[in-house]
Amino acid sequence: MHHRNHSLVTSKIKASMSRKGNCWDNACMENLFSHFKSECFHLYSHQTAEEVKDAVRRYIRFYNYQRFQEKLNNLSPYEYRTQAS
C-alpha cells in the first residue's frame, strides 16, 4: 500500500478522485476554491487562524445562501435546491 493511501485508510478518509487521471472528478471543489480565493481570501488580510476560520464560515454561508449562480437560473444553491420542495 502506498504511503498516501495508508494515511487515507488510517484516517478513514475517502480519496476524491474516482478514476485515474480524470480531472473532472474534482471540478466542483476546484471551482468553489477558485471563487473563495478570489472573492474572499485574497481580498482581506487575515492575522490569525481564527480569522481565517471565520472567513471560511462566512464565505460558505454566503456561497450557499446569497451568491446567485447563472448556471442555477440565477438562484443561490440553497434557493435552487429548495425550489422544488
N, C-alpha and C. Protein backbone atom coordinates (compact mmCIF):
# COMPACT_ATOMS: atom_id res chain seq x y z
N MET A 1 0.86 -1.18 0.00
CA MET A 1 0.00 0.00 0.00
C MET A 1 0.90 1.23 0.00
N HIS A 2 0.58 2.20 -0.86
CA HIS A 2 1.35 3.45 -0.91
C HIS A 2 1.16 4.21 0.40
N HIS A 3 2.16 5.01 0.74
CA HIS A 3 2.11 5.79 1.98
C HIS A 3 0.87 6.68 2.04
N ARG A 4 0.55 7.36 0.92
CA ARG A 4 -0.61 8.26 0.89
C ARG A 4 -1.89 7.46 1.14
N ASN A 5 -2.04 6.33 0.47
CA ASN A 5 -3.24 5.51 0.64
C ASN A 5 -3.34 4.99 2.06
N HIS A 6 -2.21 4.60 2.65
CA HIS A 6 -2.22 4.13 4.03
C HIS A 6 -2.71 5.23 4.97
N SER A 7 -2.24 6.46 4.74
CA SER A 7 -2.68 7.59 5.57
C SER A 7 -4.18 7.83 5.41
N LEU A 8 -4.67 7.69 4.19
CA LEU A 8 -6.12 7.87 3.97
C LEU A 8 -6.91 6.79 4.71
N VAL A 9 -6.45 5.57 4.61
CA VAL A 9 -7.15 4.45 5.26
C VAL A 9 -7.13 4.61 6.78
N THR A 10 -5.96 4.89 7.34
CA THR A 10 -5.87 5.00 8.79
C THR A 10 -6.63 6.21 9.32
N SER A 11 -6.77 7.24 8.49
CA SER A 11 -7.51 8.43 8.90
C SER A 11 -8.99 8.34 8.55
N LYS A 12 -9.38 7.22 7.92
CA LYS A 12 -10.76 6.99 7.48
C LYS A 12 -11.25 8.09 6.55
N ILE A 13 -10.37 8.46 5.59
CA ILE A 13 -10.69 9.48 4.59
C ILE A 13 -10.80 8.80 3.24
N LYS A 14 -11.82 9.17 2.48
CA LYS A 14 -12.02 8.62 1.16
C LYS A 14 -11.43 9.58 0.12
N ALA A 15 -10.60 9.08 -0.77
CA ALA A 15 -9.99 9.90 -1.81
C ALA A 15 -11.08 10.43 -2.75
N SER A 16 -10.91 11.65 -3.23
CA SER A 16 -11.95 12.26 -4.05
C SER A 16 -11.86 11.89 -5.53
N MET A 17 -10.73 11.44 -6.00
CA MET A 17 -10.58 11.07 -7.41
C MET A 17 -11.15 9.67 -7.60
N SER A 18 -12.15 9.56 -8.45
CA SER A 18 -12.77 8.26 -8.65
C SER A 18 -12.09 7.46 -9.76
N ARG A 19 -11.52 8.15 -10.73
CA ARG A 19 -10.86 7.46 -11.84
C ARG A 19 -9.49 8.09 -12.08
N LYS A 20 -8.51 7.29 -12.32
CA LYS A 20 -7.15 7.75 -12.52
C LYS A 20 -7.09 8.74 -13.69
N GLY A 21 -6.56 9.92 -13.41
CA GLY A 21 -6.32 10.90 -14.46
C GLY A 21 -7.54 11.67 -14.92
N ASN A 22 -8.68 11.51 -14.26
CA ASN A 22 -9.89 12.23 -14.69
C ASN A 22 -9.98 13.55 -13.93
N CYS A 23 -9.66 14.64 -14.62
CA CYS A 23 -9.61 15.95 -13.96
C CYS A 23 -10.99 16.47 -13.60
N TRP A 24 -12.06 15.94 -14.18
CA TRP A 24 -13.41 16.45 -13.90
C TRP A 24 -13.96 15.97 -12.57
N ASP A 25 -13.36 14.96 -11.99
CA ASP A 25 -13.85 14.43 -10.72
C ASP A 25 -13.85 15.49 -9.62
N ASN A 26 -12.90 16.39 -9.65
CA ASN A 26 -12.78 17.39 -8.60
C ASN A 26 -13.20 18.79 -9.07
N ALA A 27 -13.81 18.89 -10.22
CA ALA A 27 -14.12 20.18 -10.83
C ALA A 27 -14.98 21.07 -9.93
N CYS A 28 -15.98 20.51 -9.27
CA CYS A 28 -16.87 21.34 -8.45
C CYS A 28 -16.12 21.93 -7.25
N MET A 29 -15.24 21.16 -6.63
CA MET A 29 -14.47 21.69 -5.50
C MET A 29 -13.43 22.69 -5.96
N GLU A 30 -12.78 22.42 -7.10
CA GLU A 30 -11.81 23.36 -7.64
C GLU A 30 -12.50 24.70 -7.95
N ASN A 31 -13.71 24.63 -8.46
CA ASN A 31 -14.49 25.84 -8.76
C ASN A 31 -14.81 26.61 -7.48
N LEU A 32 -15.25 25.92 -6.44
CA LEU A 32 -15.55 26.57 -5.17
C LEU A 32 -14.30 27.24 -4.60
N PHE A 33 -13.17 26.52 -4.59
CA PHE A 33 -11.95 27.09 -4.03
C PHE A 33 -11.47 28.28 -4.85
N SER A 34 -11.64 28.24 -6.15
CA SER A 34 -11.26 29.36 -7.00
C SER A 34 -12.07 30.60 -6.65
N HIS A 35 -13.38 30.43 -6.51
CA HIS A 35 -14.25 31.55 -6.12
C HIS A 35 -13.89 32.05 -4.73
N PHE A 36 -13.67 31.13 -3.80
CA PHE A 36 -13.33 31.52 -2.43
C PHE A 36 -12.05 32.35 -2.41
N LYS A 37 -11.04 31.90 -3.12
CA LYS A 37 -9.77 32.63 -3.11
C LYS A 37 -9.92 34.02 -3.72
N SER A 38 -10.63 34.13 -4.84
CA SER A 38 -10.73 35.43 -5.50
C SER A 38 -11.76 36.35 -4.85
N GLU A 39 -12.82 35.81 -4.26
CA GLU A 39 -13.88 36.64 -3.69
C GLU A 39 -13.74 36.89 -2.19
N CYS A 40 -12.83 36.19 -1.55
CA CYS A 40 -12.72 36.32 -0.10
C CYS A 40 -11.27 36.35 0.37
N PHE A 41 -10.58 35.25 0.19
CA PHE A 41 -9.28 35.07 0.84
C PHE A 41 -8.24 36.10 0.40
N HIS A 42 -8.13 36.37 -0.89
CA HIS A 42 -7.12 37.31 -1.38
C HIS A 42 -7.53 38.77 -1.21
N LEU A 43 -8.76 39.03 -0.85
CA LEU A 43 -9.23 40.42 -0.69
C LEU A 43 -8.96 40.97 0.70
N TYR A 44 -8.78 40.10 1.67
CA TYR A 44 -8.65 40.54 3.05
C TYR A 44 -7.37 39.98 3.67
N SER A 45 -6.85 40.70 4.63
CA SER A 45 -5.67 40.26 5.36
C SER A 45 -6.12 39.58 6.65
N HIS A 46 -5.76 38.32 6.79
CA HIS A 46 -6.11 37.56 7.99
C HIS A 46 -4.88 37.43 8.86
N GLN A 47 -5.01 37.77 10.12
CA GLN A 47 -3.87 37.77 11.04
C GLN A 47 -3.75 36.50 11.86
N THR A 48 -4.86 35.84 12.10
CA THR A 48 -4.84 34.65 12.96
C THR A 48 -5.59 33.50 12.29
N ALA A 49 -5.36 32.30 12.80
CA ALA A 49 -6.09 31.13 12.30
C ALA A 49 -7.58 31.29 12.54
N GLU A 50 -7.96 31.90 13.66
CA GLU A 50 -9.38 32.10 13.96
C GLU A 50 -10.03 33.03 12.94
N GLU A 51 -9.31 34.05 12.49
CA GLU A 51 -9.84 34.95 11.46
C GLU A 51 -10.05 34.20 10.14
N VAL A 52 -9.13 33.30 9.81
CA VAL A 52 -9.29 32.50 8.60
C VAL A 52 -10.50 31.59 8.72
N LYS A 53 -10.64 30.92 9.86
CA LYS A 53 -11.79 30.04 10.09
C LYS A 53 -13.10 30.81 9.98
N ASP A 54 -13.14 32.01 10.56
CA ASP A 54 -14.33 32.84 10.49
C ASP A 54 -14.64 33.25 9.05
N ALA A 55 -13.60 33.60 8.30
CA ALA A 55 -13.78 33.98 6.90
C ALA A 55 -14.33 32.81 6.09
N VAL A 56 -13.83 31.61 6.35
CA VAL A 56 -14.31 30.42 5.64
C VAL A 56 -15.78 30.18 5.98
N ARG A 57 -16.14 30.26 7.25
CA ARG A 57 -17.55 30.06 7.65
C ARG A 57 -18.47 31.08 6.98
N ARG A 58 -18.06 32.35 7.01
CA ARG A 58 -18.88 33.40 6.40
C ARG A 58 -19.02 33.20 4.89
N TYR A 59 -17.92 32.82 4.24
CA TYR A 59 -17.97 32.65 2.80
C TYR A 59 -18.84 31.46 2.41
N ILE A 60 -18.73 30.36 3.12
CA ILE A 60 -19.56 29.19 2.82
C ILE A 60 -21.04 29.53 2.98
N ARG A 61 -21.36 30.27 4.02
CA ARG A 61 -22.76 30.69 4.21
C ARG A 61 -23.20 31.61 3.07
N PHE A 62 -22.36 32.59 2.72
CA PHE A 62 -22.66 33.48 1.60
C PHE A 62 -22.82 32.67 0.31
N TYR A 63 -21.90 31.77 0.03
CA TYR A 63 -21.92 30.99 -1.21
C TYR A 63 -23.20 30.16 -1.32
N ASN A 64 -23.61 29.56 -0.22
CA ASN A 64 -24.79 28.69 -0.25
C ASN A 64 -26.12 29.43 -0.23
N TYR A 65 -26.17 30.57 0.45
CA TYR A 65 -27.46 31.23 0.67
C TYR A 65 -27.65 32.55 -0.07
N GLN A 66 -26.59 33.22 -0.48
CA GLN A 66 -26.75 34.54 -1.08
C GLN A 66 -26.15 34.68 -2.47
N ARG A 67 -25.10 33.97 -2.77
CA ARG A 67 -24.39 34.15 -4.04
C ARG A 67 -25.17 33.45 -5.14
N PHE A 68 -25.78 34.25 -6.02
CA PHE A 68 -26.54 33.64 -7.10
C PHE A 68 -25.57 33.11 -8.16
N GLN A 69 -26.02 32.07 -8.87
CA GLN A 69 -25.20 31.45 -9.90
C GLN A 69 -26.00 31.33 -11.18
N GLU A 70 -25.41 31.80 -12.25
CA GLU A 70 -26.09 31.77 -13.54
C GLU A 70 -26.51 30.36 -13.93
N LYS A 71 -25.63 29.38 -13.66
CA LYS A 71 -25.96 28.00 -14.04
C LYS A 71 -27.11 27.42 -13.22
N LEU A 72 -27.49 28.10 -12.14
CA LEU A 72 -28.63 27.67 -11.31
C LEU A 72 -29.82 28.61 -11.51
N ASN A 73 -29.98 29.12 -12.71
CA ASN A 73 -31.08 30.04 -13.04
C ASN A 73 -31.05 31.29 -12.16
N ASN A 74 -29.85 31.79 -11.89
CA ASN A 74 -29.64 32.99 -11.08
C ASN A 74 -30.20 32.86 -9.66
N LEU A 75 -30.14 31.66 -9.12
CA LEU A 75 -30.53 31.40 -7.75
C LEU A 75 -29.28 31.02 -6.95
N SER A 76 -29.36 31.14 -5.64
CA SER A 76 -28.28 30.62 -4.79
C SER A 76 -28.43 29.10 -4.76
N PRO A 77 -27.37 28.37 -4.38
CA PRO A 77 -27.51 26.91 -4.28
C PRO A 77 -28.67 26.49 -3.37
N TYR A 78 -28.85 27.17 -2.24
CA TYR A 78 -29.95 26.85 -1.34
C TYR A 78 -31.30 27.07 -2.02
N GLU A 79 -31.46 28.21 -2.67
CA GLU A 79 -32.73 28.50 -3.36
C GLU A 79 -33.00 27.48 -4.45
N TYR A 80 -31.96 27.12 -5.17
CA TYR A 80 -32.11 26.15 -6.26
C TYR A 80 -32.56 24.79 -5.72
N ARG A 81 -31.92 24.34 -4.62
CA ARG A 81 -32.26 23.03 -4.05
C ARG A 81 -33.67 23.01 -3.46
N THR A 82 -34.14 24.14 -2.94
CA THR A 82 -35.42 24.14 -2.26
C THR A 82 -36.60 24.58 -3.13
N GLN A 83 -36.34 25.01 -4.33
CA GLN A 83 -37.45 25.49 -5.17
C GLN A 83 -38.43 24.39 -5.54
N ALA A 84 -37.97 23.15 -5.60
CA ALA A 84 -38.86 22.05 -5.94
C ALA A 84 -39.64 21.53 -4.74
N SER A 85 -39.26 21.96 -3.54
CA SER A 85 -39.92 21.46 -2.33
C SER A 85 -41.30 22.00 -2.17
